[in-house]
Amino acid sequence: MKSFGDMVKKAQKMKREMDALQERFAEERFEASAGGGLVRAVVDGKQMLKQISLDPGVLAEKDVTLIEDLILTAVGEAQRSSEAKMNEALGKIAGGFPLPF
């Protein structure tokens, strides 16, 4: 059985690795599109929206509900992609120990 001091050192190391990972992920970009590419969304590793692009053709439709749905779909998919990648990387650091985020 490990001593309490060893557990504390391991937790501190894990925290440093997680902080470094989150810094690195803040610079990464995750892109998704909806409507066959009519709407494109880009988020960072913290799932914050960084860019949204609309094809001019989607505006010609003049269907506000459709445009809103496409935007939500593209942003949501980009965020899910970012979150999945972050969780995968954090899981490797945690060594299979379930994390509360």
PDB file of N, CA and C in Angstrom:
ATOM      1  N   MET A   1       0.837  -1.186   0.000  1.00  0.00           N
ATOM      2  CA  MET A   1       0.000   0.000   0.000  1.00  0.00           C
ATOM      3  C   MET A   1       0.877   1.244   0.000  1.00  0.00           C
ATOM      4  N   LYS A   2       0.523   2.194  -0.822  1.00  0.00           N
ATOM      5  CA  LYS A   2       1.306   3.418  -0.918  1.00  0.00           C
ATOM      6  C   LYS A   2       1.001   4.337   0.254  1.00  0.00           C
ATOM      7  N   SER A   3       1.991   5.130   0.561  1.00  0.00           N
ATOM      8  CA  SER A   3       1.797   6.091   1.646  1.00  0.00           C
ATOM      9  C   SER A   3       0.950   7.259   1.158  1.00  0.00           C
ATOM     10  N   PHE A   4       0.430   7.999   2.101  1.00  0.00           N
ATOM     11  CA  PHE A   4      -0.380   9.168   1.770  1.00  0.00           C
ATOM     12  C   PHE A   4       0.450  10.175   0.975  1.00  0.00           C
ATOM     13  N   GLY A   5       1.717  10.322   1.332  1.00  0.00           N
ATOM     14  CA  GLY A   5       2.606  11.247   0.630  1.00  0.00           C
ATOM     15  C   GLY A   5       2.764  10.885  -0.837  1.00  0.00           C
ATOM     16  N   ASP A   6       2.883   9.568  -1.119  1.00  0.00           N
ATOM     17  CA  ASP A   6       2.988   9.119  -2.510  1.00  0.00           C
ATOM     18  C   ASP A   6       1.717   9.439  -3.283  1.00  0.00           C
ATOM     19  N   MET A   7       0.578   9.267  -2.651  1.00  0.00           N
ATOM     20  CA  MET A   7      -0.696   9.562  -3.307  1.00  0.00           C
ATOM     21  C   MET A   7      -0.817  11.047  -3.606  1.00  0.00           C
ATOM     22  N   VAL A   8      -0.375  11.888  -2.673  1.00  0.00           N
ATOM     23  CA  VAL A   8      -0.423  13.337  -2.874  1.00  0.00           C
ATOM     24  C   VAL A   8       0.483  13.734  -4.038  1.00  0.00           C
ATOM     25  N   LYS A   9       1.690  13.159  -4.097  1.00  0.00           N
ATOM     26  CA  LYS A   9       2.616  13.464  -5.195  1.00  0.00           C
ATOM     27  C   LYS A   9       2.016  13.043  -6.537  1.00  0.00           C
ATOM     28  N   LYS A  10       1.389  11.891  -6.558  1.00  0.00           N
ATOM     29  CA  LYS A  10       0.774  11.421  -7.804  1.00  0.00           C
ATOM     30  C   LYS A  10      -0.378  12.342  -8.216  1.00  0.00           C
ATOM     31  N   ALA A  11      -1.173  12.786  -7.260  1.00  0.00           N
ATOM     32  CA  ALA A  11      -2.285  13.694  -7.562  1.00  0.00           C
ATOM     33  C   ALA A  11      -1.755  15.033  -8.066  1.00  0.00           C
ATOM     34  N   GLN A  12      -0.666  15.530  -7.490  1.00  0.00           N
ATOM     35  CA  GLN A  12      -0.079  16.796  -7.938  1.00  0.00           C
ATOM     36  C   GLN A  12       0.463  16.668  -9.358  1.00  0.00           C
ATOM     37  N   LYS A  13       1.090  15.530  -9.650  1.00  0.00           N
ATOM     38  CA  LYS A  13       1.612  15.289 -10.997  1.00  0.00           C
ATOM     39  C   LYS A  13       0.459  15.229 -11.998  1.00  0.00           C
ATOM     40  N   MET A  14      -0.609  14.544 -11.630  1.00  0.00           N
ATOM     41  CA  MET A  14      -1.778  14.428 -12.499  1.00  0.00           C
ATOM     42  C   MET A  14      -2.375  15.813 -12.765  1.00  0.00           C
ATOM     43  N   LYS A  15      -2.437  16.645 -11.748  1.00  0.00           N
ATOM     44  CA  LYS A  15      -2.978  18.001 -11.903  1.00  0.00           C
ATOM     45  C   LYS A  15      -2.122  18.813 -12.857  1.00  0.00           C
ATOM     46  N   ARG A  16      -0.800  18.731 -12.726  1.00  0.00           N
ATOM     47  CA  ARG A  16       0.092  19.463 -13.634  1.00  0.00           C
ATOM     48  C   ARG A  16      -0.116  18.999 -15.081  1.00  0.00           C
ATOM     49  N   GLU A  17      -0.236  17.692 -15.270  1.00  0.00           N
ATOM     50  CA  GLU A  17      -0.444  17.147 -16.614  1.00  0.00           C
ATOM     51  C   GLU A  17      -1.791  17.599 -17.185  1.00  0.00           C
ATOM     52  N   MET A  18      -2.815  17.624 -16.361  1.00  0.00           N
ATOM     53  CA  MET A  18      -4.137  18.065 -16.811  1.00  0.00           C
ATOM     54  C   MET A  18      -4.137  19.545 -17.171  1.00  0.00           C
ATOM     55  N   ASP A  19      -3.464  20.345 -16.356  1.00  0.00           N
ATOM     56  CA  ASP A  19      -3.377  21.783 -16.647  1.00  0.00           C
ATOM     57  C   ASP A  19      -2.661  22.017 -17.976  1.00  0.00           C
ATOM     58  N   ALA A  20      -1.566  21.299 -18.205  1.00  0.00           N
ATOM     59  CA  ALA A  20      -0.817  21.435 -19.458  1.00  0.00           C
ATOM     60  C   ALA A  20      -1.671  20.986 -20.637  1.00  0.00           C
ATOM     61  N   LEU A  21      -2.412  19.915 -20.455  1.00  0.00           N
ATOM     62  CA  LEU A  21      -3.286  19.409 -21.520  1.00  0.00           C
ATOM     63  C   LEU A  21      -4.372  20.425 -21.853  1.00  0.00           C
ATOM     64  N   GLN A  22      -4.982  21.007 -20.835  1.00  0.00           N
ATOM     65  CA  GLN A  22      -6.035  21.987 -21.073  1.00  0.00           C
ATOM     66  C   GLN A  22      -5.486  23.226 -21.779  1.00  0.00           C
ATOM     67  N   GLU A  23      -4.271  23.633 -21.450  1.00  0.00           N
ATOM     68  CA  GLU A  23      -3.640  24.762 -22.141  1.00  0.00           C
ATOM     69  C   GLU A  23      -3.436  24.441 -23.610  1.00  0.00           C
ATOM     70  N   ARG A  24      -2.937  23.241 -23.863  1.00  0.00           N
ATOM     71  CA  ARG A  24      -2.692  22.825 -25.243  1.00  0.00           C
ATOM     72  C   ARG A  24      -4.002  22.742 -26.021  1.00  0.00           C
ATOM     73  N   PHE A  25      -5.031  22.185 -25.396  1.00  0.00           N
ATOM     74  CA  PHE A  25      -6.323  22.027 -26.065  1.00  0.00           C
ATOM     75  C   PHE A  25      -6.987  23.373 -26.349  1.00  0.00           C
ATOM     76  N   ALA A  26      -6.713  24.371 -25.546  1.00  0.00           N
ATOM     77  CA  ALA A  26      -7.309  25.691 -25.774  1.00  0.00           C
ATOM     78  C   ALA A  26      -6.885  26.243 -27.134  1.00  0.00           C
ATOM     79  N   GLU A  27      -5.753  25.794 -27.641  1.00  0.00           N
ATOM     80  CA  GLU A  27      -5.241  26.259 -28.932  1.00  0.00           C
ATOM     81  C   GLU A  27      -5.740  25.405 -30.099  1.00  0.00           C
ATOM     82  N   GLU A  28      -6.235  24.212 -29.817  1.00  0.00           N
ATOM     83  CA  GLU A  28      -6.701  23.336 -30.896  1.00  0.00           C
ATOM     84  C   GLU A  28      -8.061  23.773 -31.400  1.00  0.00           C
ATOM     85  N   ARG A  29      -8.363  23.425 -32.629  1.00  0.00           N
ATOM     86  CA  ARG A  29      -9.639  23.768 -33.246  1.00  0.00           C
ATOM     87  C   ARG A  29     -10.336  22.511 -33.729  1.00  0.00           C
ATOM     88  N   PHE A  30     -11.645  22.479 -33.546  1.00  0.00           N
ATOM     89  CA  PHE A  30     -12.487  21.362 -33.960  1.00  0.00           C
ATOM     90  C   PHE A  30     -13.594  21.921 -34.835  1.00  0.00           C
ATOM     91  N   GLU A  31     -13.744  21.329 -36.006  1.00  0.00           N
ATOM     92  CA  GLU A  31     -14.685  21.858 -36.992  1.00  0.00           C
ATOM     93  C   GLU A  31     -15.774  20.833 -37.300  1.00  0.00           C
ATOM     94  N   ALA A  32     -16.976  21.340 -37.524  1.00  0.00           N
ATOM     95  CA  ALA A  32     -18.094  20.499 -37.952  1.00  0.00           C
ATOM     96  C   ALA A  32     -18.969  21.325 -38.880  1.00  0.00           C
ATOM     97  N   SER A  33     -19.714  20.617 -39.724  1.00  0.00           N
ATOM     98  CA  SER A  33     -20.610  21.323 -40.629  1.00  0.00           C
ATOM     99  C   SER A  33     -21.978  20.668 -40.611  1.00  0.00           C
ATOM    100  N   ALA A  34     -22.947  21.390 -41.141  1.00  0.00           N
ATOM    101  CA  ALA A  34     -24.319  20.886 -41.221  1.00  0.00           C
ATOM    102  C   ALA A  34     -24.915  21.342 -42.549  1.00  0.00           C
ATOM    103  N   GLY A  35     -25.951  20.637 -42.966  1.00  0.00           N
ATOM    104  CA  GLY A  35     -26.629  21.011 -44.201  1.00  0.00           C
ATOM    105  C   GLY A  35     -25.752  20.840 -45.427  1.00  0.00           C
ATOM    106  N   GLY A  36     -24.938  19.779 -45.410  1.00  0.00           N
ATOM    107  CA  GLY A  36     -24.066  19.554 -46.557  1.00  0.00           C
ATOM    108  C   GLY A  36     -23.008  20.620 -46.722  1.00  0.00           C
ATOM    109  N   GLY A  37     -22.596  21.213 -45.630  1.00  0.00           N
ATOM    110  CA  GLY A  37     -21.559  22.235 -45.672  1.00  0.00           C
ATOM    111  C   GLY A  37     -22.078  23.660 -45.754  1.00  0.00           C
ATOM    112  N   LEU A  38     -23.394  23.826 -45.677  1.00  0.00           N
ATOM    113  CA  LEU A  38     -23.959  25.177 -45.734  1.00  0.00           C
ATOM    114  C   LEU A  38     -23.597  25.999 -44.498  1.00  0.00           C
ATOM    115  N   VAL A  39     -23.431  25.320 -43.368  1.00  0.00           N
ATOM    116  CA  VAL A  39     -23.038  25.981 -42.119  1.00  0.00           C
ATOM    117  C   VAL A  39     -21.827  25.243 -41.572  1.00  0.00           C
ATOM    118  N   ARG A  40     -20.812  26.007 -41.167  1.00  0.00           N
ATOM    119  CA  ARG A  40     -19.596  25.430 -40.612  1.00  0.00           C
ATOM    120  C   ARG A  40     -19.300  26.129 -39.290  1.00  0.00           C
ATOM    121  N   ALA A  41     -18.976  25.333 -38.272  1.00  0.00           N
ATOM    122  CA  ALA A  41     -18.655  25.878 -36.952  1.00  0.00           C
ATOM    123  C   ALA A  41     -17.279  25.385 -36.522  1.00  0.00           C
ATOM    124  N   VAL A  42     -16.546  26.254 -35.846  1.00  0.00           N
ATOM    125  CA  VAL A  42     -15.230  25.910 -35.312  1.00  0.00           C
ATOM    126  C   VAL A  42     -15.233  26.270 -33.829  1.00  0.00           C
ATOM    127  N   VAL A  43     -14.845  25.306 -32.988  1.00  0.00           N
ATOM    128  CA  VAL A  43     -14.718  25.537 -31.550  1.00  0.00           C
ATOM    129  C   VAL A  43     -13.300  25.180 -31.128  1.00  0.00           C
ATOM    130  N   ASP A  44     -12.907  25.661 -29.949  1.00  0.00           N
ATOM    131  CA  ASP A  44     -11.604  25.300 -29.420  1.00  0.00           C
ATOM    132  C   ASP A  44     -11.739  24.090 -28.496  1.00  0.00           C
ATOM    133  N   GLY A  45     -10.648  23.714 -27.868  1.00  0.00           N
ATOM    134  CA  GLY A  45     -10.634  22.556 -26.993  1.00  0.00           C
ATOM    135  C   GLY A  45     -11.440  22.723 -25.723  1.00  0.00           C
ATOM    136  N   LYS A  46     -11.899  23.929 -25.451  1.00  0.00           N
ATOM    137  CA  LYS A  46     -12.756  24.176 -24.294  1.00  0.00           C
ATOM    138  C   LYS A  46     -14.214  24.323 -24.724  1.00  0.00           C
ATOM    139  N   GLN A  47     -14.492  23.918 -25.955  1.00  0.00           N
ATOM    140  CA  GLN A  47     -15.822  23.953 -26.563  1.00  0.00           C
ATOM    141  C   GLN A  47     -16.381  25.364 -26.735  1.00  0.00           C
ATOM    142  N   MET A  48     -15.501  26.352 -26.805  1.00  0.00           N
ATOM    143  CA  MET A  48     -15.929  27.730 -27.024  1.00  0.00           C
ATOM    144  C   MET A  48     -15.966  27.996 -28.526  1.00  0.00           C
ATOM    145  N   LEU A  49     -17.066  28.573 -28.999  1.00  0.00           N
ATOM    146  CA  LEU A  49     -17.229  28.874 -30.412  1.00  0.00           C
ATOM    147  C   LEU A  49     -16.214  29.929 -30.833  1.00  0.00           C
ATOM    148  N   LYS A  50     -15.462  29.628 -31.889  1.00  0.00           N
ATOM    149  CA  LYS A  50     -14.444  30.549 -32.389  1.00  0.00           C
ATOM    150  C   LYS A  50     -14.798  31.127 -33.751  1.00  0.00           C
ATOM    151  N   GLN A  51     -15.569  30.369 -34.532  1.00  0.00           N
ATOM    152  CA  GLN A  51     -15.916  30.848 -35.869  1.00  0.00           C
ATOM    153  C   GLN A  51     -17.187  30.150 -36.337  1.00  0.00           C
ATOM    154  N   ILE A  52     -17.991  30.888 -37.060  1.00  0.00           N
ATOM    155  CA  ILE A  52     -19.178  30.329 -37.713  1.00  0.00           C
ATOM    156  C   ILE A  52     -19.192  30.867 -39.139  1.00  0.00           C
ATOM    157  N   SER A  53     -19.429  29.997 -40.098  1.00  0.00           N
ATOM    158  CA  SER A  53     -19.458  30.392 -41.505  1.00  0.00           C
ATOM    159  C   SER A  53     -20.747  29.904 -42.142  1.00  0.00           C
ATOM    160  N   LEU A  54     -21.383  30.785 -42.887  1.00  0.00           N
ATOM    161  CA  LEU A  54     -22.608  30.428 -43.598  1.00  0.00           C
ATOM    162  C   LEU A  54     -22.360  30.542 -45.100  1.00  0.00           C
ATOM    163  N   ASP A  55     -22.748  29.525 -45.828  1.00  0.00           N
ATOM    164  CA  ASP A  55     -22.712  29.589 -47.285  1.00  0.00           C
ATOM    165  C   ASP A  55     -23.802  30.572 -47.710  1.00  0.00           C
ATOM    166  N   PRO A  56     -23.526  31.465 -48.638  1.00  0.00           N
ATOM    167  CA  PRO A  56     -24.560  32.416 -49.064  1.00  0.00           C
ATOM    168  C   PRO A  56     -25.843  31.742 -49.550  1.00  0.00           C
ATOM    169  N   GLY A  57     -25.723  30.513 -50.025  1.00  0.00           N
ATOM    170  CA  GLY A  57     -26.908  29.792 -50.497  1.00  0.00           C
ATOM    171  C   GLY A  57     -27.923  29.529 -49.408  1.00  0.00           C
ATOM    172  N   VAL A  58     -27.461  29.353 -48.176  1.00  0.00           N
ATOM    173  CA  VAL A  58     -28.392  29.086 -47.082  1.00  0.00           C
ATOM    174  C   VAL A  58     -29.236  30.331 -46.788  1.00  0.00           C
ATOM    175  N   LEU A  59     -28.683  31.498 -47.029  1.00  0.00           N
ATOM    176  CA  LEU A  59     -29.429  32.729 -46.791  1.00  0.00           C
ATOM    177  C   LEU A  59     -30.503  32.955 -47.850  1.00  0.00           C
ATOM    178  N   ALA A  60     -30.275  32.407 -49.029  1.00  0.00           N
ATOM    179  CA  ALA A  60     -31.255  32.551 -50.108  1.00  0.00           C
ATOM    180  C   ALA A  60     -32.556  31.833 -49.782  1.00  0.00           C
ATOM    181  N   GLU A  61     -32.472  30.832 -48.935  1.00  0.00           N
ATOM    182  CA  GLU A  61     -33.667  30.071 -48.541  1.00  0.00           C
ATOM    183  C   GLU A  61     -34.643  30.930 -47.738  1.00  0.00           C
ATOM    184  N   LYS A  62     -34.121  31.890 -47.011  1.00  0.00           N
ATOM    185  CA  LYS A  62     -34.929  32.778 -46.161  1.00  0.00           C
ATOM    186  C   LYS A  62     -35.788  32.014 -45.165  1.00  0.00           C
ATOM    187  N   ASP A  63     -35.311  30.850 -44.772  1.00  0.00           N
ATOM    188  CA  ASP A  63     -35.997  30.022 -43.775  1.00  0.00           C
ATOM    189  C   ASP A  63     -35.203  30.118 -42.476  1.00  0.00           C
ATOM    190  N   VAL A  64     -35.582  31.066 -41.650  1.00  0.00           N
ATOM    191  CA  VAL A  64     -34.839  31.346 -40.419  1.00  0.00           C
ATOM    192  C   VAL A  64     -34.745  30.119 -39.526  1.00  0.00           C
ATOM    193  N   THR A  65     -35.815  29.364 -39.405  1.00  0.00           N
ATOM    194  CA  THR A  65     -35.813  28.173 -38.553  1.00  0.00           C
ATOM    195  C   THR A  65     -34.795  27.156 -39.052  1.00  0.00           C
ATOM    196  N   LEU A  66     -34.724  26.964 -40.354  1.00  0.00           N
ATOM    197  CA  LEU A  66     -33.749  26.041 -40.937  1.00  0.00           C
ATOM    198  C   LEU A  66     -32.334  26.515 -40.642  1.00  0.00           C
ATOM    199  N   ILE A  67     -32.077  27.787 -40.836  1.00  0.00           N
ATOM    200  CA  ILE A  67     -30.739  28.337 -40.586  1.00  0.00           C
ATOM    201  C   ILE A  67     -30.359  28.160 -39.114  1.00  0.00           C
ATOM    202  N   GLU A  68     -31.280  28.458 -38.219  1.00  0.00           N
ATOM    203  CA  GLU A  68     -31.018  28.287 -36.785  1.00  0.00           C
ATOM    204  C   GLU A  68     -30.711  26.831 -36.457  1.00  0.00           C
ATOM    205  N   ASP A  69     -31.481  25.909 -37.010  1.00  0.00           N
ATOM    206  CA  ASP A  69     -31.252  24.478 -36.761  1.00  0.00           C
ATOM    207  C   ASP A  69     -29.886  24.030 -37.281  1.00  0.00           C
ATOM    208  N   LEU A  70     -29.518  24.503 -38.462  1.00  0.00           N
ATOM    209  CA  LEU A  70     -28.217  24.141 -39.023  1.00  0.00           C
ATOM    210  C   LEU A  70     -27.073  24.680 -38.171  1.00  0.00           C
ATOM    211  N   ILE A  71     -27.216  25.899 -37.679  1.00  0.00           N
ATOM    212  CA  ILE A  71     -26.188  26.487 -36.814  1.00  0.00           C
ATOM    213  C   ILE A  71     -26.061  25.681 -35.525  1.00  0.00           C
ATOM    214  N   LEU A  72     -27.192  25.380 -34.896  1.00  0.00           N
ATOM    215  CA  LEU A  72     -27.158  24.598 -33.657  1.00  0.00           C
ATOM    216  C   LEU A  72     -26.530  23.226 -33.877  1.00  0.00           C
ATOM    217  N   THR A  73     -26.861  22.597 -34.994  1.00  0.00           N
ATOM    218  CA  THR A  73     -26.316  21.275 -35.299  1.00  0.00           C
ATOM    219  C   THR A  73     -24.803  21.335 -35.485  1.00  0.00           C
ATOM    220  N   ALA A  74     -24.335  22.290 -36.272  1.00  0.00           N
ATOM    221  CA  ALA A  74     -22.894  22.406 -36.529  1.00  0.00           C
ATOM    222  C   ALA A  74     -22.126  22.726 -35.248  1.00  0.00           C
ATOM    223  N   VAL A  75     -22.619  23.675 -34.471  1.00  0.00           N
ATOM    224  CA  VAL A  75     -21.934  24.045 -33.229  1.00  0.00           C
ATOM    225  C   VAL A  75     -21.935  22.870 -32.251  1.00  0.00           C
ATOM    226  N   GLY A  76     -23.079  22.226 -32.099  1.00  0.00           N
ATOM    227  CA  GLY A  76     -23.173  21.096 -31.175  1.00  0.00           C
ATOM    228  C   GLY A  76     -22.238  19.964 -31.547  1.00  0.00           C
ATOM    229  N   GLU A  77     -22.140  19.655 -32.834  1.00  0.00           N
ATOM    230  CA  GLU A  77     -21.253  18.580 -33.280  1.00  0.00           C
ATOM    231  C   GLU A  77     -19.790  18.940 -33.065  1.00  0.00           C
ATOM    232  N   ALA A  78     -19.418  20.168 -33.325  1.00  0.00           N
ATOM    233  CA  ALA A  78     -18.041  20.609 -33.082  1.00  0.00           C
ATOM    234  C   ALA A  78     -17.713  20.530 -31.589  1.00  0.00           C
ATOM    235  N   GLN A  79     -18.656  20.933 -30.753  1.00  0.00           N
ATOM    236  CA  GLN A  79     -18.441  20.864 -29.304  1.00  0.00           C
ATOM    237  C   GLN A  79     -18.317  19.421 -28.831  1.00  0.00           C
ATOM    238  N   ARG A  80     -19.157  18.529 -29.356  1.00  0.00           N
ATOM    239  CA  ARG A  80     -19.066  17.115 -28.968  1.00  0.00           C
ATOM    240  C   ARG A  80     -17.723  16.517 -29.381  1.00  0.00           C
ATOM    241  N   SER A  81     -17.251  16.882 -30.551  1.00  0.00           N
ATOM    242  CA  SER A  81     -15.959  16.393 -31.025  1.00  0.00           C
ATOM    243  C   SER A  81     -14.829  16.858 -30.107  1.00  0.00           C
ATOM    244  N   SER A  82     -14.866  18.123 -29.739  1.00  0.00           N
ATOM    245  CA  SER A  82     -13.865  18.684 -28.835  1.00  0.00           C
ATOM    246  C   SER A  82     -13.911  18.004 -27.474  1.00  0.00           C
ATOM    247  N   GLU A  83     -15.105  17.844 -26.940  1.00  0.00           N
ATOM    248  CA  GLU A  83     -15.266  17.223 -25.623  1.00  0.00           C
ATOM    249  C   GLU A  83     -14.782  15.780 -25.635  1.00  0.00           C
ATOM    250  N   ALA A  84     -15.109  15.038 -26.678  1.00  0.00           N
ATOM    251  CA  ALA A  84     -14.697  13.632 -26.759  1.00  0.00           C
ATOM    252  C   ALA A  84     -13.173  13.519 -26.794  1.00  0.00           C
ATOM    253  N   LYS A  85     -12.537  14.379 -27.563  1.00  0.00           N
ATOM    254  CA  LYS A  85     -11.075  14.356 -27.659  1.00  0.00           C
ATOM    255  C   LYS A  85     -10.442  14.706 -26.312  1.00  0.00           C
ATOM    256  N   MET A  86     -10.996  15.702 -25.623  1.00  0.00           N
ATOM    257  CA  MET A  86     -10.476  16.093 -24.315  1.00  0.00           C
ATOM    258  C   MET A  86     -10.655  14.962 -23.302  1.00  0.00           C
ATOM    259  N   ASN A  87     -11.836  14.351 -23.273  1.00  0.00           N
ATOM    260  CA  ASN A  87     -12.088  13.255 -22.332  1.00  0.00           C
ATOM    261  C   ASN A  87     -11.162  12.076 -22.586  1.00  0.00           C
ATOM    262  N   GLU A  88     -10.902  11.790 -23.848  1.00  0.00           N
ATOM    263  CA  GLU A  88      -9.985  10.699 -24.192  1.00  0.00           C
ATOM    264  C   GLU A  88      -8.584  10.989 -23.661  1.00  0.00           C
ATOM    265  N   ALA A  89      -8.114  12.207 -23.873  1.00  0.00           N
ATOM    266  CA  ALA A  89      -6.778  12.588 -23.417  1.00  0.00           C
ATOM    267  C   ALA A  89      -6.699  12.618 -21.894  1.00  0.00           C
ATOM    268  N   LEU A  90      -7.732  13.140 -21.239  1.00  0.00           N
ATOM    269  CA  LEU A  90      -7.737  13.175 -19.768  1.00  0.00           C
ATOM    270  C   LEU A  90      -7.802  11.766 -19.187  1.00  0.00           C
ATOM    271  N   GLY A  91      -8.528  10.880 -19.854  1.00  0.00           N
ATOM    272  CA  GLY A  91      -8.620   9.494 -19.398  1.00  0.00           C
ATOM    273  C   GLY A  91      -7.260   8.816 -19.390  1.00  0.00           C
ATOM    274  N   LYS A  92      -6.425   9.141 -20.364  1.00  0.00           N
ATOM    275  CA  LYS A  92      -5.081   8.567 -20.415  1.00  0.00           C
ATOM    276  C   LYS A  92      -4.245   9.059 -19.242  1.00  0.00           C
ATOM    277  N   ILE A  93      -4.402  10.325 -18.903  1.00  0.00           N
ATOM    278  CA  ILE A  93      -3.654  10.884 -17.771  1.00  0.00           C
ATOM    279  C   ILE A  93      -4.123  10.263 -16.464  1.00  0.00           C
ATOM    280  N   ALA A  94      -5.439  10.108 -16.336  1.00  0.00           N
ATOM    281  CA  ALA A  94      -6.011   9.600 -15.091  1.00  0.00           C
ATOM    282  C   ALA A  94      -5.818   8.100 -14.934  1.00  0.00           C
ATOM    283  N   GLY A  95      -5.364   7.435 -15.976  1.00  0.00           N
ATOM    284  CA  GLY A  95      -5.123   6.001 -15.888  1.00  0.00           C
ATOM    285  C   GLY A  95      -6.374   5.202 -15.641  1.00  0.00           C
ATOM    286  N   GLY A  96      -7.495   5.624 -16.222  1.00  0.00           N
ATOM    287  CA  GLY A  96      -8.744   4.888 -16.064  1.00  0.00           C
ATOM    288  C   GLY A  96      -9.557   5.292 -14.853  1.00  0.00           C
ATOM    289  N   PHE A  97      -8.997   6.142 -14.013  1.00  0.00           N
ATOM    290  CA  PHE A  97      -9.738   6.614 -12.848  1.00  0.00           C
ATOM    291  C   PHE A  97     -10.799   7.582 -13.321  1.00  0.00           C
ATOM    292  N   PRO A  98     -12.081   7.351 -13.013  1.00  0.00           N
ATOM    293  CA  PRO A  98     -13.145   8.237 -13.503  1.00  0.00           C
ATOM    294  C   PRO A  98     -13.035   9.641 -12.925  1.00  0.00           C
ATOM    295  N   LEU A  99     -13.098  10.633 -13.820  1.00  0.00           N
ATOM    296  CA  LEU A  99     -13.001  12.023 -13.394  1.00  0.00           C
ATOM    297  C   LEU A  99     -14.386  12.657 -13.410  1.00  0.00           C
ATOM    298  N   PRO A 100     -14.627  13.635 -12.560  1.00  0.00           N
ATOM    299  CA  PRO A 100     -15.961  14.221 -12.442  1.00  0.00           C
ATOM    300  C   PRO A 100     -16.286  15.251 -13.509  1.00  0.00           C
ATOM    301  N   PHE A 101     -15.605  15.278 -14.647  1.00  0.00           N
ATOM    302  CA  PHE A 101     -15.922  16.257 -15.698  1.00  0.00           C
ATOM    303  C   PHE A 101     -15.778  15.638 -17.051  1.00  0.00           C
TER     304      PHE A 101
END
